[in-house]
């Protein structure tokens, strides 16, 4: 990990008009159940991952800058420069380092909203509630491990991002659906590993009814564009 995640105020100010135009004019965005989004408490946003536009949609939902766990493979060139100044935390998706996870917990303790994509990568599926089996990263950050005693247990907020088109374009319809928050305290009486599995199992149906169990899509985004 190169350093603590940060949000650059001047960069936010520069990007805000672009954000406004894309949400108001370019796409057709609607939000359902925004009242379920917690206020004034630590939380982890756990959305489906369908596009590189996802972070834009989540910022629209909350109205404030967010912090993100993102694959370190994306921190290249100008994109990496922007990401490092917009609250993104580089992480090895296959083997998460303790430094990145510790930094995430520091942000949670400080009340910063953290975004963790439970699928860990982008999957280009048809719209309407389809997702891949989830990783345990969200549960690990929310509950902790055997040797850890977290002071603050953040609420886990499931969010479905439903796009009308596999590749977003002008006037694509976007629906942001906020689910009922999950309280990790419910699982604290279980052994840590069982607690993480139980939380992940409860999160899964809140993100979609259909699960793709295929192991063939190792790099689903790349394969999708290769077939297009």
C-alpha atoms as a PDB file:
ATOM      1  CA  UNK A   1       0.000   0.000   0.000  1.00  0.00           C
ATOM      2  CA  UNK A   2       1.470   3.356  -1.111  1.00  0.00           C
ATOM      3  CA  UNK A   3      -0.086   5.549   1.595  1.00  0.00           C
ATOM      4  CA  UNK A   4      -3.289   6.472   3.403  1.00  0.00           C
ATOM      5  CA  UNK A   5      -6.358   6.994   1.244  1.00  0.00           C
ATOM      6  CA  UNK A   6      -7.318  10.617   0.798  1.00  0.00           C
ATOM      7  CA  UNK A   7      -9.913  12.731  -0.963  1.00  0.00           C
ATOM      8  CA  UNK A   8      -8.597  15.838  -2.700  1.00  0.00           C
ATOM      9  CA  UNK A   9     -11.031  18.763  -2.173  1.00  0.00           C
ATOM     10  CA  UNK A  10      -9.922  20.598  -5.299  1.00  0.00           C
ATOM     11  CA  UNK A  11     -10.287  17.504  -7.465  1.00  0.00           C
ATOM     12  CA  UNK A  12     -13.774  16.902  -6.057  1.00  0.00           C
ATOM     13  CA  UNK A  13     -14.646  20.520  -6.933  1.00  0.00           C
ATOM     14  CA  UNK A  14     -13.368  20.047 -10.500  1.00  0.00           C
ATOM     15  CA  UNK A  15     -15.256  16.784 -11.037  1.00  0.00           C
ATOM     16  CA  UNK A  16     -18.527  17.881  -9.408  1.00  0.00           C
ATOM     17  CA  UNK A  17     -19.933  19.652 -12.550  1.00  0.00           C
ATOM     18  CA  UNK A  18     -19.088  16.604 -14.680  1.00  0.00           C
ATOM     19  CA  UNK A  19     -20.780  14.370 -12.126  1.00  0.00           C
ATOM     20  CA  UNK A  20     -23.881  16.601 -12.164  1.00  0.00           C
ATOM     21  CA  UNK A  21     -24.086  16.526 -15.972  1.00  0.00           C
ATOM     22  CA  UNK A  22     -23.718  12.759 -16.239  1.00  0.00           C
ATOM     23  CA  UNK A  23     -26.340  12.038 -13.582  1.00  0.00           C
ATOM     24  CA  UNK A  24     -28.866  14.690 -14.644  1.00  0.00           C
ATOM     25  CA  UNK A  25     -28.481  14.761 -18.412  1.00  0.00           C
ATOM     26  CA  UNK A  26     -26.507  11.828 -19.801  1.00  0.00           C
ATOM     27  CA  UNK A  27     -27.956   8.891 -17.858  1.00  0.00           C
ATOM     28  CA  UNK A  28     -31.456   8.274 -16.477  1.00  0.00           C
ATOM     29  CA  UNK A  29     -30.857   7.522 -12.809  1.00  0.00           C
ATOM     30  CA  UNK A  30     -33.429   6.574 -10.177  1.00  0.00           C
ATOM     31  CA  UNK A  31     -32.962   5.602  -6.522  1.00  0.00           C
ATOM     32  CA  UNK A  32     -35.155   3.228  -4.536  1.00  0.00           C
ATOM     33  CA  UNK A  33     -35.300   3.003  -0.729  1.00  0.00           C
ATOM     34  CA  UNK A  34     -32.742   5.739  -0.086  1.00  0.00           C
ATOM     35  CA  UNK A  35     -34.306   6.118   3.373  1.00  0.00           C
ATOM     36  CA  UNK A  36     -32.645   2.806   4.335  1.00  0.00           C
ATOM     37  CA  UNK A  37     -29.191   4.358   4.040  1.00  0.00           C
ATOM     38  CA  UNK A  38     -27.855   4.821   7.599  1.00  0.00           C
ATOM     39  CA  UNK A  39     -26.985   8.307   8.795  1.00  0.00           C
ATOM     40  CA  UNK A  40     -24.305   9.210  11.302  1.00  0.00           C
ATOM     41  CA  UNK A  41     -23.039   5.658  11.908  1.00  0.00           C
ATOM     42  CA  UNK A  42     -20.072   3.665  10.525  1.00  0.00           C
ATOM     43  CA  UNK A  43     -21.039   1.664   7.459  1.00  0.00           C
ATOM     44  CA  UNK A  44     -19.754  -0.471   4.633  1.00  0.00           C
ATOM     45  CA  UNK A  45     -21.537  -0.094   1.307  1.00  0.00           C
ATOM     46  CA  UNK A  46     -21.645  -3.484  -0.433  1.00  0.00           C
ATOM     47  CA  UNK A  47     -22.805  -2.989  -4.051  1.00  0.00           C
ATOM     48  CA  UNK A  48     -22.918  -5.265  -7.046  1.00  0.00           C
ATOM     49  CA  UNK A  49     -20.103  -4.482  -9.480  1.00  0.00           C
ATOM     50  CA  UNK A  50     -21.272  -3.950 -13.049  1.00  0.00           C
ATOM     51  CA  UNK A  51     -19.269  -1.061 -14.476  1.00  0.00           C
ATOM     52  CA  UNK A  52     -16.463   1.403 -13.877  1.00  0.00           C
ATOM     53  CA  UNK A  53     -19.279   3.917 -13.534  1.00  0.00           C
ATOM     54  CA  UNK A  54     -20.342   2.316 -10.232  1.00  0.00           C
ATOM     55  CA  UNK A  55     -18.422   4.778  -8.071  1.00  0.00           C
ATOM     56  CA  UNK A  56     -20.203   7.672  -9.787  1.00  0.00           C
ATOM     57  CA  UNK A  57     -23.587   6.134  -8.947  1.00  0.00           C
ATOM     58  CA  UNK A  58     -22.658   5.533  -5.319  1.00  0.00           C
ATOM     59  CA  UNK A  59     -21.478   9.114  -4.877  1.00  0.00           C
ATOM     60  CA  UNK A  60     -24.821  10.248  -6.272  1.00  0.00           C
ATOM     61  CA  UNK A  61     -26.556   8.073  -3.694  1.00  0.00           C
ATOM     62  CA  UNK A  62     -24.707   9.452  -0.674  1.00  0.00           C
ATOM     63  CA  UNK A  63     -23.995  12.976  -1.881  1.00  0.00           C
ATOM     64  CA  UNK A  64     -20.491  12.932  -0.406  1.00  0.00           C
ATOM     65  CA  UNK A  65     -17.045  11.496  -1.180  1.00  0.00           C
ATOM     66  CA  UNK A  66     -16.561   7.829  -0.372  1.00  0.00           C
ATOM     67  CA  UNK A  67     -13.595   5.555   0.231  1.00  0.00           C
ATOM     68  CA  UNK A  68     -13.136   2.455  -1.917  1.00  0.00           C
ATOM     69  CA  UNK A  69     -11.219  -0.781  -1.918  1.00  0.00           C
ATOM     70  CA  UNK A  70      -9.932  -1.163  -5.476  1.00  0.00           C
ATOM     71  CA  UNK A  71      -7.680  -3.622  -7.279  1.00  0.00           C
ATOM     72  CA  UNK A  72      -4.103  -2.372  -7.340  1.00  0.00           C
ATOM     73  CA  UNK A  73      -3.989  -3.339 -11.039  1.00  0.00           C
ATOM     74  CA  UNK A  74      -6.118  -0.262 -11.776  1.00  0.00           C
ATOM     75  CA  UNK A  75      -3.630   2.200 -10.284  1.00  0.00           C
ATOM     76  CA  UNK A  76      -1.822   2.960 -13.525  1.00  0.00           C
ATOM     77  CA  UNK A  77      -1.212   6.203 -15.380  1.00  0.00           C
ATOM     78  CA  UNK A  78      -3.691   9.071 -15.152  1.00  0.00           C
ATOM     79  CA  UNK A  79      -6.443   6.775 -13.869  1.00  0.00           C
ATOM     80  CA  UNK A  80      -4.252   5.741 -10.945  1.00  0.00           C
ATOM     81  CA  UNK A  81      -3.396   9.379 -10.227  1.00  0.00           C
ATOM     82  CA  UNK A  82      -7.080  10.266  -9.988  1.00  0.00           C
ATOM     83  CA  UNK A  83      -7.977   7.170  -7.960  1.00  0.00           C
ATOM     84  CA  UNK A  84      -5.255   7.848  -5.406  1.00  0.00           C
ATOM     85  CA  UNK A  85      -6.805  11.288  -4.811  1.00  0.00           C
ATOM     86  CA  UNK A  86     -10.419  10.136  -4.721  1.00  0.00           C
ATOM     87  CA  UNK A  87     -10.386   7.853  -1.696  1.00  0.00           C
ATOM     88  CA  UNK A  88      -9.307   4.609  -3.385  1.00  0.00           C
ATOM     89  CA  UNK A  89      -7.254   2.061  -1.452  1.00  0.00           C
ATOM     90  CA  UNK A  90      -5.131  -0.291  -3.612  1.00  0.00           C
ATOM     91  CA  UNK A  91      -5.385  -3.941  -2.665  1.00  0.00           C
ATOM     92  CA  UNK A  92      -4.292  -7.301  -4.031  1.00  0.00           C
ATOM     93  CA  UNK A  93      -7.696  -8.892  -4.619  1.00  0.00           C
ATOM     94  CA  UNK A  94      -6.368 -12.457  -4.491  1.00  0.00           C
ATOM     95  CA  UNK A  95      -4.153 -11.926  -1.433  1.00  0.00           C
ATOM     96  CA  UNK A  96      -5.260  -8.852   0.560  1.00  0.00           C
ATOM     97  CA  UNK A  97      -2.465  -7.358   2.634  1.00  0.00           C
ATOM     98  CA  UNK A  98      -2.834  -6.599   6.333  1.00  0.00           C
ATOM     99  CA  UNK A  99      -1.845  -2.956   5.761  1.00  0.00           C
ATOM    100  CA  UNK A 100      -4.767  -2.230   3.443  1.00  0.00           C
ATOM    101  CA  UNK A 101      -7.262  -4.042   5.676  1.00  0.00           C
ATOM    102  CA  UNK A 102      -5.956  -2.212   8.752  1.00  0.00           C
ATOM    103  CA  UNK A 103      -6.309   1.111   6.979  1.00  0.00           C
ATOM    104  CA  UNK A 104      -9.907   0.242   6.064  1.00  0.00           C
ATOM    105  CA  UNK A 105     -10.702  -0.394   9.707  1.00  0.00           C
ATOM    106  CA  UNK A 106      -9.135   2.933  10.691  1.00  0.00           C
ATOM    107  CA  UNK A 107     -11.473   4.644   8.216  1.00  0.00           C
ATOM    108  CA  UNK A 108     -14.451   2.727   9.603  1.00  0.00           C
ATOM    109  CA  UNK A 109     -13.553   3.697  13.169  1.00  0.00           C
ATOM    110  CA  UNK A 110     -13.358   7.322  12.015  1.00  0.00           C
ATOM    111  CA  UNK A 111     -16.886   7.101  10.584  1.00  0.00           C
ATOM    112  CA  UNK A 112     -15.817   7.244   6.934  1.00  0.00           C
ATOM    113  CA  UNK A 113     -18.189   5.425   4.530  1.00  0.00           C
ATOM    114  CA  UNK A 114     -16.273   2.566   2.904  1.00  0.00           C
ATOM    115  CA  UNK A 115     -17.241   0.837  -0.342  1.00  0.00           C
ATOM    116  CA  UNK A 116     -16.297  -2.822  -0.762  1.00  0.00           C
ATOM    117  CA  UNK A 117     -17.497  -4.720  -3.835  1.00  0.00           C
ATOM    118  CA  UNK A 118     -18.310  -8.237  -2.546  1.00  0.00           C
ATOM    119  CA  UNK A 119     -17.782  -9.777  -5.996  1.00  0.00           C
ATOM    120  CA  UNK A 120     -14.249  -8.285  -6.088  1.00  0.00           C
ATOM    121  CA  UNK A 121     -14.354  -7.619  -9.848  1.00  0.00           C
ATOM    122  CA  UNK A 122     -16.704  -6.401 -12.573  1.00  0.00           C
ATOM    123  CA  UNK A 123     -19.186  -8.902 -14.007  1.00  0.00           C
ATOM    124  CA  UNK A 124     -21.061  -7.985 -17.166  1.00  0.00           C
ATOM    125  CA  UNK A 125     -24.372  -9.751 -16.756  1.00  0.00           C
ATOM    126  CA  UNK A 126     -27.791  -8.888 -18.165  1.00  0.00           C
ATOM    127  CA  UNK A 127     -29.708  -6.598 -15.810  1.00  0.00           C
ATOM    128  CA  UNK A 128     -32.039  -7.653 -13.015  1.00  0.00           C
ATOM    129  CA  UNK A 129     -30.468  -9.192  -9.956  1.00  0.00           C
ATOM    130  CA  UNK A 130     -27.676 -11.449 -11.165  1.00  0.00           C
ATOM    131  CA  UNK A 131     -24.387 -11.800  -9.326  1.00  0.00           C
ATOM    132  CA  UNK A 132     -21.473 -14.132  -8.751  1.00  0.00           C
ATOM    133  CA  UNK A 133     -20.650 -15.980  -5.503  1.00  0.00           C
ATOM    134  CA  UNK A 134     -19.386 -13.402  -3.033  1.00  0.00           C
ATOM    135  CA  UNK A 135     -15.975 -13.058  -1.426  1.00  0.00           C
ATOM    136  CA  UNK A 136     -15.693 -12.713   2.355  1.00  0.00           C
ATOM    137  CA  UNK A 137     -13.974  -9.312   2.365  1.00  0.00           C
ATOM    138  CA  UNK A 138     -17.050  -7.389   3.508  1.00  0.00           C
ATOM    139  CA  UNK A 139     -17.667  -9.795   6.375  1.00  0.00           C
ATOM    140  CA  UNK A 140     -14.002  -9.741   7.385  1.00  0.00           C
ATOM    141  CA  UNK A 141     -14.012  -5.952   7.666  1.00  0.00           C
ATOM    142  CA  UNK A 142     -17.366  -5.884   9.430  1.00  0.00           C
ATOM    143  CA  UNK A 143     -16.692  -8.628  11.992  1.00  0.00           C
ATOM    144  CA  UNK A 144     -12.928  -9.066  12.255  1.00  0.00           C
ATOM    145  CA  UNK A 145     -10.807 -12.136  12.803  1.00  0.00           C
ATOM    146  CA  UNK A 146     -10.071 -14.491  15.656  1.00  0.00           C
ATOM    147  CA  UNK A 147      -7.388 -12.276  17.199  1.00  0.00           C
ATOM    148  CA  UNK A 148      -9.174  -8.983  16.745  1.00  0.00           C
ATOM    149  CA  UNK A 149     -11.702  -7.134  18.861  1.00  0.00           C
ATOM    150  CA  UNK A 150     -13.186  -4.314  16.840  1.00  0.00           C
ATOM    151  CA  UNK A 151     -14.376  -1.269  18.748  1.00  0.00           C
ATOM    152  CA  UNK A 152     -16.908  -0.373  16.085  1.00  0.00           C
ATOM    153  CA  UNK A 153     -19.048  -2.768  14.065  1.00  0.00           C
ATOM    154  CA  UNK A 154     -20.166  -1.007  10.876  1.00  0.00           C
ATOM    155  CA  UNK A 155     -23.565  -1.669   9.360  1.00  0.00           C
ATOM    156  CA  UNK A 156     -23.351  -3.479   6.010  1.00  0.00           C
ATOM    157  CA  UNK A 157     -25.592  -1.893   3.373  1.00  0.00           C
ATOM    158  CA  UNK A 158     -26.440  -4.061   0.313  1.00  0.00           C
ATOM    159  CA  UNK A 159     -26.857  -2.024  -2.870  1.00  0.00           C
ATOM    160  CA  UNK A 160     -28.031  -3.315  -6.235  1.00  0.00           C
ATOM    161  CA  UNK A 161     -26.858  -1.364  -9.256  1.00  0.00           C
ATOM    162  CA  UNK A 162     -29.186  -2.360 -12.098  1.00  0.00           C
ATOM    163  CA  UNK A 163     -28.208  -1.089 -15.553  1.00  0.00           C
ATOM    164  CA  UNK A 164     -30.375  -1.328 -18.652  1.00  0.00           C
ATOM    165  CA  UNK A 165     -27.331  -1.868 -20.887  1.00  0.00           C
ATOM    166  CA  UNK A 166     -24.269  -4.035 -20.413  1.00  0.00           C
ATOM    167  CA  UNK A 167     -22.112  -1.141 -21.562  1.00  0.00           C
ATOM    168  CA  UNK A 168     -23.558   2.166 -20.405  1.00  0.00           C
ATOM    169  CA  UNK A 169     -24.343   4.726 -23.085  1.00  0.00           C
ATOM    170  CA  UNK A 170     -26.352   7.904 -23.594  1.00  0.00           C
ATOM    171  CA  UNK A 171     -29.725   7.681 -21.798  1.00  0.00           C
ATOM    172  CA  UNK A 172     -29.040   4.271 -20.266  1.00  0.00           C
ATOM    173  CA  UNK A 173     -31.433   3.586 -17.389  1.00  0.00           C
ATOM    174  CA  UNK A 174     -29.782   3.082 -14.015  1.00  0.00           C
ATOM    175  CA  UNK A 175     -31.560   1.956 -10.869  1.00  0.00           C
ATOM    176  CA  UNK A 176     -29.863   2.176  -7.471  1.00  0.00           C
ATOM    177  CA  UNK A 177     -31.637  -0.050  -4.950  1.00  0.00           C
ATOM    178  CA  UNK A 178     -30.697   0.238  -1.262  1.00  0.00           C
ATOM    179  CA  UNK A 179     -31.347  -2.880   0.810  1.00  0.00           C
ATOM    180  CA  UNK A 180     -31.950  -3.319   4.517  1.00  0.00           C
ATOM    181  CA  UNK A 181     -28.677  -2.862   6.443  1.00  0.00           C
ATOM    182  CA  UNK A 182     -27.143  -5.930   8.078  1.00  0.00           C
ATOM    183  CA  UNK A 183     -25.962  -5.575  11.676  1.00  0.00           C
ATOM    184  CA  UNK A 184     -22.746  -7.597  12.195  1.00  0.00           C
ATOM    185  CA  UNK A 185     -23.454  -7.743  15.939  1.00  0.00           C
ATOM    186  CA  UNK A 186     -26.038 -10.416  15.118  1.00  0.00           C
ATOM    187  CA  UNK A 187     -23.219 -12.850  14.335  1.00  0.00           C
ATOM    188  CA  UNK A 188     -20.773 -12.079  17.150  1.00  0.00           C
ATOM    189  CA  UNK A 189     -21.749 -15.140  19.211  1.00  0.00           C
ATOM    190  CA  UNK A 190     -20.540 -17.405  16.394  1.00  0.00           C
ATOM    191  CA  UNK A 191     -16.881 -18.365  15.894  1.00  0.00           C
ATOM    192  CA  UNK A 192     -15.269 -15.720  13.622  1.00  0.00           C
ATOM    193  CA  UNK A 193     -15.055 -17.942  10.544  1.00  0.00           C
ATOM    194  CA  UNK A 194     -18.663 -19.099  10.908  1.00  0.00           C
ATOM    195  CA  UNK A 195     -19.758 -15.515  11.532  1.00  0.00           C
ATOM    196  CA  UNK A 196     -18.121 -14.316   8.310  1.00  0.00           C
ATOM    197  CA  UNK A 197     -19.703 -17.133   6.337  1.00  0.00           C
ATOM    198  CA  UNK A 198     -23.131 -16.441   7.837  1.00  0.00           C
ATOM    199  CA  UNK A 199     -22.965 -12.715   7.099  1.00  0.00           C
ATOM    200  CA  UNK A 200     -21.853 -13.383   3.522  1.00  0.00           C
ATOM    201  CA  UNK A 201     -24.659 -15.911   3.078  1.00  0.00           C
ATOM    202  CA  UNK A 202     -27.195 -13.345   4.288  1.00  0.00           C
ATOM    203  CA  UNK A 203     -25.748 -10.621   2.064  1.00  0.00           C
ATOM    204  CA  UNK A 204     -25.871 -12.751  -1.084  1.00  0.00           C
ATOM    205  CA  UNK A 205     -29.676 -12.922  -1.643  1.00  0.00           C
ATOM    206  CA  UNK A 206     -29.991  -9.201  -0.937  1.00  0.00           C
ATOM    207  CA  UNK A 207     -27.837  -8.504  -3.979  1.00  0.00           C
ATOM    208  CA  UNK A 208     -29.650 -10.864  -6.343  1.00  0.00           C
ATOM    209  CA  UNK A 209     -31.746 -13.977  -6.650  1.00  0.00           C
ATOM    210  CA  UNK A 210     -29.686 -15.646  -9.363  1.00  0.00           C
ATOM    211  CA  UNK A 211     -26.114 -16.731  -8.657  1.00  0.00           C
ATOM    212  CA  UNK A 212     -23.636 -17.654 -11.379  1.00  0.00           C
ATOM    213  CA  UNK A 213     -21.666 -20.643 -10.096  1.00  0.00           C
ATOM    214  CA  UNK A 214     -19.469 -20.947 -13.175  1.00  0.00           C
ATOM    215  CA  UNK A 215     -15.721 -21.086 -12.541  1.00  0.00           C
ATOM    216  CA  UNK A 216     -14.955 -20.405 -16.210  1.00  0.00           C
ATOM    217  CA  UNK A 217     -15.170 -16.621 -15.988  1.00  0.00           C
ATOM    218  CA  UNK A 218     -11.852 -15.971 -14.307  1.00  0.00           C
ATOM    219  CA  UNK A 219     -11.643 -12.518 -15.890  1.00  0.00           C
ATOM    220  CA  UNK A 220     -15.269 -11.891 -16.828  1.00  0.00           C
ATOM    221  CA  UNK A 221     -14.899  -8.289 -17.968  1.00  0.00           C
ATOM    222  CA  UNK A 222     -12.094  -9.157 -20.410  1.00  0.00           C
ATOM    223  CA  UNK A 223     -13.977 -12.152 -21.781  1.00  0.00           C
ATOM    224  CA  UNK A 224     -17.135 -10.114 -22.301  1.00  0.00           C
ATOM    225  CA  UNK A 225     -15.393  -7.534 -24.443  1.00  0.00           C
ATOM    226  CA  UNK A 226     -13.538 -10.251 -26.353  1.00  0.00           C
ATOM    227  CA  UNK A 227     -16.880 -11.811 -27.304  1.00  0.00           C
ATOM    228  CA  UNK A 228     -18.504  -8.473 -28.229  1.00  0.00           C
END
